Each structure stands twice: as C-alpha cells, then as structure tokens.
C-alpha cells in the first residue's frame, strides 16, 4: 500500500506541470468561494502564484504542498485545506479499500 501511495504522490507531482492543473486550481477557488464567501485569501505553492494572480485572487503565504490550495475567509476565521496531501489523506481509507478489493479479485 505504501508503494501505491508513493506512486500516487509522484503522479500528483507530474500533474501540477500539466495545463489541466490550472483548470483544477480554478475549480478549487470556486469551491472555496462557495464555501467561505466571495472574498477569500489563497495560500499556495510559489509556482502556482501566477495562476491566482491571473484570477485576481489575493495571495497569502506560500505553502509546501504537492499542489492545491489552502483558502481562508476574509477575516481569517475559517480555513479550507484543498491541498493534494489533505485530499489524499481524507480519501485514504476509500483508496485503500478500493485497492484491496481490486487485489482480491486478481
């Protein structure tokens, strides 16, 4: 299982280099705005800052993530972690169950 998650993380590293990543980042911003309100601050990787500057989104501190964002409301009272690591962590059990099920079939 650990090696499988290593492969997934490696794929995530490759994904942020692709043009599709910008579309995903835009979807994350829209999700964050729907969840936290229209005025949000984005914390992201240094490499991603141009994406959000193009969207006119205020940028906060840099984060050390594989990809994704951390968004906070304008008052800094609520936060939404949409980093790849957090998304993978929250779905880890689902992924493990799926993989174990597939392995049992083979």
N, C-alpha and C. Protein backbone atom coordinates (compact mmCIF):
# COMPACT_ATOMS: atom_id res chain seq x y z
N UNK A 1 0.82 -1.20 0.00
CA UNK A 1 0.00 0.00 0.00
C UNK A 1 0.86 1.26 0.00
N UNK A 2 1.91 1.25 0.80
CA UNK A 2 2.76 2.44 0.87
C UNK A 2 3.37 2.78 -0.49
N UNK A 3 3.77 1.73 -1.23
CA UNK A 3 4.36 1.99 -2.54
C UNK A 3 3.31 2.55 -3.50
N UNK A 4 2.06 2.11 -3.34
CA UNK A 4 0.98 2.62 -4.18
C UNK A 4 0.76 4.10 -3.91
N UNK A 5 0.78 4.49 -2.64
CA UNK A 5 0.61 5.90 -2.30
C UNK A 5 1.81 6.72 -2.76
N UNK A 6 2.97 6.10 -2.79
CA UNK A 6 4.14 6.78 -3.35
C UNK A 6 3.97 7.06 -4.84
N UNK A 7 3.40 6.10 -5.54
CA UNK A 7 3.13 6.28 -6.98
C UNK A 7 2.10 7.39 -7.18
N UNK A 8 1.06 7.39 -6.35
CA UNK A 8 0.03 8.43 -6.44
C UNK A 8 0.64 9.81 -6.22
N UNK A 9 1.48 9.93 -5.20
CA UNK A 9 2.11 11.23 -4.93
C UNK A 9 3.02 11.65 -6.08
N UNK A 10 3.70 10.69 -6.68
CA UNK A 10 4.56 11.01 -7.82
C UNK A 10 3.72 11.50 -9.00
N UNK A 11 2.57 10.88 -9.21
CA UNK A 11 1.67 11.32 -10.28
C UNK A 11 1.16 12.73 -10.01
N UNK A 12 0.91 13.04 -8.74
CA UNK A 12 0.46 14.39 -8.38
C UNK A 12 1.54 15.42 -8.70
N UNK A 13 2.80 15.06 -8.45
CA UNK A 13 3.91 15.96 -8.77
C UNK A 13 3.96 16.24 -10.27
N UNK A 14 3.69 15.22 -11.06
CA UNK A 14 3.68 15.39 -12.51
C UNK A 14 2.46 16.19 -12.97
N UNK A 15 1.34 15.99 -12.31
CA UNK A 15 0.10 16.63 -12.72
C UNK A 15 0.17 18.16 -12.63
N UNK A 16 0.85 18.67 -11.62
CA UNK A 16 0.91 20.13 -11.46
C UNK A 16 1.69 20.81 -12.59
N UNK A 17 2.39 20.04 -13.39
CA UNK A 17 3.12 20.58 -14.53
C UNK A 17 2.26 20.65 -15.79
N UNK A 18 1.08 20.05 -15.75
CA UNK A 18 0.22 19.96 -16.93
C UNK A 18 -0.77 21.13 -16.98
N UNK A 19 -1.22 21.48 -18.17
CA UNK A 19 -2.19 22.59 -18.32
C UNK A 19 -3.51 22.33 -17.58
N UNK A 20 -3.88 21.08 -17.41
CA UNK A 20 -5.13 20.75 -16.73
C UNK A 20 -5.12 21.21 -15.27
N UNK A 21 -3.93 21.34 -14.71
CA UNK A 21 -3.83 21.74 -13.31
C UNK A 21 -4.42 23.13 -13.09
N UNK A 22 -4.24 24.02 -14.05
CA UNK A 22 -4.79 25.37 -13.92
C UNK A 22 -6.32 25.31 -13.81
N UNK A 23 -6.95 24.45 -14.59
CA UNK A 23 -8.41 24.29 -14.52
C UNK A 23 -8.83 23.76 -13.16
N UNK A 24 -8.06 22.82 -12.63
CA UNK A 24 -8.36 22.29 -11.30
C UNK A 24 -8.21 23.38 -10.25
N UNK A 25 -7.18 24.19 -10.35
CA UNK A 25 -6.96 25.29 -9.40
C UNK A 25 -8.14 26.26 -9.44
N UNK A 26 -8.65 26.55 -10.62
CA UNK A 26 -9.81 27.43 -10.76
C UNK A 26 -11.04 26.81 -10.10
N UNK A 27 -11.22 25.52 -10.25
CA UNK A 27 -12.35 24.83 -9.60
C UNK A 27 -12.21 24.88 -8.08
N UNK A 28 -10.97 24.74 -7.59
CA UNK A 28 -10.73 24.81 -6.15
C UNK A 28 -11.10 26.20 -5.62
N UNK A 29 -10.73 27.24 -6.36
CA UNK A 29 -11.06 28.60 -5.95
C UNK A 29 -12.57 28.79 -5.91
N UNK A 30 -13.25 28.33 -6.94
CA UNK A 30 -14.72 28.46 -6.96
C UNK A 30 -15.37 27.70 -5.81
N UNK A 31 -14.86 26.51 -5.52
CA UNK A 31 -15.38 25.73 -4.39
C UNK A 31 -15.14 26.48 -3.08
N UNK A 32 -13.94 27.03 -2.93
CA UNK A 32 -13.62 27.78 -1.71
C UNK A 32 -14.51 29.01 -1.56
N UNK A 33 -14.76 29.71 -2.67
CA UNK A 33 -15.64 30.88 -2.61
C UNK A 33 -17.07 30.48 -2.22
N UNK A 34 -17.54 29.37 -2.74
CA UNK A 34 -18.87 28.89 -2.38
C UNK A 34 -18.95 28.48 -0.92
N UNK A 35 -17.85 27.97 -0.39
CA UNK A 35 -17.82 27.50 1.00
C UNK A 35 -17.55 28.61 2.01
N UNK A 36 -16.66 29.54 1.64
CA UNK A 36 -16.19 30.55 2.60
C UNK A 36 -16.70 31.96 2.32
N UNK A 37 -17.28 32.17 1.16
CA UNK A 37 -17.72 33.51 0.77
C UNK A 37 -16.87 34.02 -0.38
N UNK A 38 -17.33 35.08 -1.03
CA UNK A 38 -16.66 35.54 -2.26
C UNK A 38 -15.28 36.16 -2.03
N UNK A 39 -15.00 36.64 -0.84
CA UNK A 39 -13.70 37.26 -0.57
C UNK A 39 -12.84 36.28 0.21
N UNK A 40 -11.88 35.68 -0.49
CA UNK A 40 -11.00 34.70 0.14
C UNK A 40 -9.55 35.08 -0.12
N UNK A 41 -8.70 34.48 0.69
CA UNK A 41 -7.25 34.60 0.52
C UNK A 41 -6.74 33.19 0.24
N UNK A 42 -5.87 33.08 -0.74
CA UNK A 42 -5.34 31.78 -1.14
C UNK A 42 -3.89 31.65 -0.67
N UNK A 43 -3.59 30.52 -0.08
CA UNK A 43 -2.21 30.16 0.25
C UNK A 43 -1.85 29.02 -0.70
N UNK A 44 -0.73 29.16 -1.40
CA UNK A 44 -0.40 28.19 -2.43
C UNK A 44 1.11 28.05 -2.57
N UNK A 45 1.49 27.14 -3.45
CA UNK A 45 2.91 26.97 -3.77
C UNK A 45 3.40 28.20 -4.53
N UNK A 46 4.66 28.51 -4.41
CA UNK A 46 5.23 29.64 -5.15
C UNK A 46 5.00 29.49 -6.65
N UNK A 47 5.13 28.27 -7.15
CA UNK A 47 4.94 28.02 -8.59
C UNK A 47 3.52 28.31 -9.05
N UNK A 48 2.56 28.28 -8.14
CA UNK A 48 1.15 28.48 -8.51
C UNK A 48 0.69 29.93 -8.40
N UNK A 49 1.49 30.78 -7.84
CA UNK A 49 1.06 32.17 -7.64
C UNK A 49 0.61 32.86 -8.92
N UNK A 50 1.28 32.65 -10.06
CA UNK A 50 0.79 33.30 -11.29
C UNK A 50 -0.64 32.89 -11.67
N UNK A 51 -1.02 31.67 -11.37
CA UNK A 51 -2.39 31.22 -11.68
C UNK A 51 -3.40 32.10 -10.96
N UNK A 52 -3.15 32.35 -9.68
CA UNK A 52 -4.11 33.08 -8.87
C UNK A 52 -4.02 34.59 -9.08
N UNK A 53 -2.84 35.07 -9.44
CA UNK A 53 -2.72 36.49 -9.79
C UNK A 53 -3.56 36.78 -11.02
N UNK A 54 -3.54 35.85 -12.00
CA UNK A 54 -4.36 36.00 -13.20
C UNK A 54 -5.85 36.01 -12.87
N UNK A 55 -6.23 35.38 -11.76
CA UNK A 55 -7.63 35.31 -11.35
C UNK A 55 -8.01 36.46 -10.42
N UNK A 56 -7.06 37.34 -10.13
CA UNK A 56 -7.30 38.46 -9.20
C UNK A 56 -7.70 37.98 -7.80
N UNK A 57 -7.05 36.95 -7.34
CA UNK A 57 -7.30 36.40 -6.01
C UNK A 57 -6.16 36.83 -5.10
N UNK A 58 -6.47 37.41 -3.93
CA UNK A 58 -5.40 37.76 -3.00
C UNK A 58 -4.61 36.51 -2.57
N UNK A 59 -3.31 36.64 -2.54
CA UNK A 59 -2.44 35.52 -2.21
C UNK A 59 -1.78 35.78 -0.87
N UNK A 60 -1.87 34.78 -0.01
CA UNK A 60 -1.24 34.86 1.30
C UNK A 60 0.14 34.21 1.27
N UNK A 61 0.43 33.44 2.28
CA UNK A 61 1.75 32.83 2.40
C UNK A 61 1.91 31.64 1.46
N UNK A 62 3.16 31.29 1.24
CA UNK A 62 3.48 30.11 0.43
C UNK A 62 3.33 28.86 1.29
N UNK A 63 2.94 27.77 0.64
CA UNK A 63 2.82 26.50 1.35
C UNK A 63 3.70 25.46 0.68
N UNK A 64 4.13 24.51 1.44
CA UNK A 64 4.94 23.41 0.92
C UNK A 64 4.06 22.21 0.66
N UNK A 65 3.34 22.23 -0.42
CA UNK A 65 2.43 21.14 -0.78
C UNK A 65 2.76 20.64 -2.17
N UNK A 66 2.29 19.46 -2.50
CA UNK A 66 2.46 18.93 -3.85
C UNK A 66 1.65 19.76 -4.84
N UNK A 67 0.52 20.27 -4.41
CA UNK A 67 -0.37 21.06 -5.23
C UNK A 67 -1.61 21.39 -4.44
N UNK A 68 -2.49 22.18 -5.05
CA UNK A 68 -3.71 22.57 -4.37
C UNK A 68 -3.53 23.87 -3.61
N UNK A 69 -4.53 24.18 -2.80
CA UNK A 69 -4.55 25.45 -2.08
C UNK A 69 -5.05 25.26 -0.66
N UNK A 70 -4.76 26.26 0.14
CA UNK A 70 -5.44 26.46 1.41
C UNK A 70 -6.12 27.82 1.28
N UNK A 71 -7.42 27.84 1.47
CA UNK A 71 -8.17 29.09 1.35
C UNK A 71 -8.67 29.49 2.73
N UNK A 72 -8.73 30.78 2.95
CA UNK A 72 -9.31 31.27 4.20
C UNK A 72 -10.25 32.41 3.89
N UNK A 73 -11.23 32.59 4.76
CA UNK A 73 -12.17 33.69 4.55
C UNK A 73 -11.47 35.02 4.83
N UNK A 74 -12.14 36.11 4.48
CA UNK A 74 -11.50 37.43 4.57
C UNK A 74 -11.11 37.80 5.99
N UNK A 75 -11.80 37.22 6.99
CA UNK A 75 -11.48 37.52 8.39
C UNK A 75 -10.43 36.59 8.97
N UNK A 76 -10.07 35.57 8.23
CA UNK A 76 -9.09 34.60 8.71
C UNK A 76 -9.63 33.69 9.79
N UNK A 77 -10.95 33.57 9.90
CA UNK A 77 -11.56 32.75 10.94
C UNK A 77 -11.86 31.32 10.48
N UNK A 78 -12.07 31.16 9.17
CA UNK A 78 -12.35 29.83 8.64
C UNK A 78 -11.35 29.50 7.55
N UNK A 79 -11.00 28.23 7.47
CA UNK A 79 -9.99 27.79 6.53
C UNK A 79 -10.46 26.50 5.84
N UNK A 80 -10.07 26.35 4.60
CA UNK A 80 -10.41 25.17 3.83
C UNK A 80 -9.13 24.65 3.20
N UNK A 81 -8.74 23.43 3.58
CA UNK A 81 -7.50 22.83 3.08
C UNK A 81 -7.82 21.94 1.88
N UNK A 82 -7.44 22.40 0.71
CA UNK A 82 -7.64 21.66 -0.52
C UNK A 82 -6.30 21.27 -1.15
N UNK A 83 -5.30 21.06 -0.30
CA UNK A 83 -4.01 20.60 -0.82
C UNK A 83 -4.14 19.15 -1.23
N UNK A 84 -3.30 18.73 -2.16
CA UNK A 84 -3.34 17.34 -2.61
C UNK A 84 -3.13 16.38 -1.44
N UNK A 85 -2.23 16.73 -0.54
CA UNK A 85 -1.95 15.86 0.59
C UNK A 85 -3.18 15.68 1.47
N UNK A 86 -3.89 16.77 1.73
CA UNK A 86 -5.08 16.69 2.58
C UNK A 86 -6.21 15.93 1.88
N UNK A 87 -6.37 16.17 0.59
CA UNK A 87 -7.40 15.45 -0.15
C UNK A 87 -7.10 13.95 -0.18
N UNK A 88 -5.84 13.60 -0.36
CA UNK A 88 -5.44 12.20 -0.35
C UNK A 88 -5.63 11.60 1.05
N UNK A 89 -5.26 12.35 2.06
CA UNK A 89 -5.40 11.86 3.44
C UNK A 89 -6.86 11.58 3.78
N UNK A 90 -7.76 12.49 3.38
CA UNK A 90 -9.17 12.31 3.72
C UNK A 90 -9.82 11.19 2.93
N UNK A 91 -9.24 10.83 1.81
CA UNK A 91 -9.77 9.73 0.98
C UNK A 91 -8.94 8.46 1.09
N UNK A 92 -7.95 8.47 1.97
CA UNK A 92 -7.02 7.34 2.07
C UNK A 92 -7.72 6.02 2.32
N UNK A 93 -8.66 5.99 3.23
CA UNK A 93 -9.37 4.75 3.54
C UNK A 93 -10.17 4.25 2.34
N UNK A 94 -10.81 5.17 1.61
CA UNK A 94 -11.55 4.78 0.41
C UNK A 94 -10.61 4.19 -0.64
N UNK A 95 -9.46 4.82 -0.81
CA UNK A 95 -8.49 4.34 -1.79
C UNK A 95 -7.96 2.97 -1.38
N UNK A 96 -7.64 2.81 -0.11
CA UNK A 96 -7.14 1.51 0.37
C UNK A 96 -8.19 0.42 0.17
N UNK A 97 -9.42 0.72 0.52
CA UNK A 97 -10.49 -0.27 0.35
C UNK A 97 -10.64 -0.66 -1.12
N UNK A 98 -10.62 0.33 -1.99
CA UNK A 98 -10.73 0.08 -3.42
C UNK A 98 -9.58 -0.80 -3.91
N UNK A 99 -8.36 -0.46 -3.51
CA UNK A 99 -7.20 -1.22 -3.95
C UNK A 99 -7.22 -2.65 -3.41
N UNK A 100 -7.59 -2.82 -2.16
CA UNK A 100 -7.67 -4.16 -1.58
C UNK A 100 -8.73 -4.99 -2.29
N UNK A 101 -9.83 -4.38 -2.61
CA UNK A 101 -10.89 -5.08 -3.32
C UNK A 101 -10.40 -5.52 -4.70
N UNK A 102 -9.70 -4.63 -5.39
CA UNK A 102 -9.17 -4.96 -6.72
C UNK A 102 -8.12 -6.07 -6.64
N UNK A 103 -7.28 -6.01 -5.62
CA UNK A 103 -6.25 -7.03 -5.45
C UNK A 103 -6.86 -8.39 -5.15
N UNK A 104 -7.95 -8.40 -4.38
CA UNK A 104 -8.61 -9.66 -4.03
C UNK A 104 -9.22 -10.31 -5.27
N UNK A 105 -9.68 -9.52 -6.22
CA UNK A 105 -10.27 -10.05 -7.45
C UNK A 105 -9.23 -10.69 -8.36
N UNK A 106 -8.01 -10.17 -8.31
CA UNK A 106 -6.95 -10.66 -9.20
C UNK A 106 -6.28 -11.83 -8.61
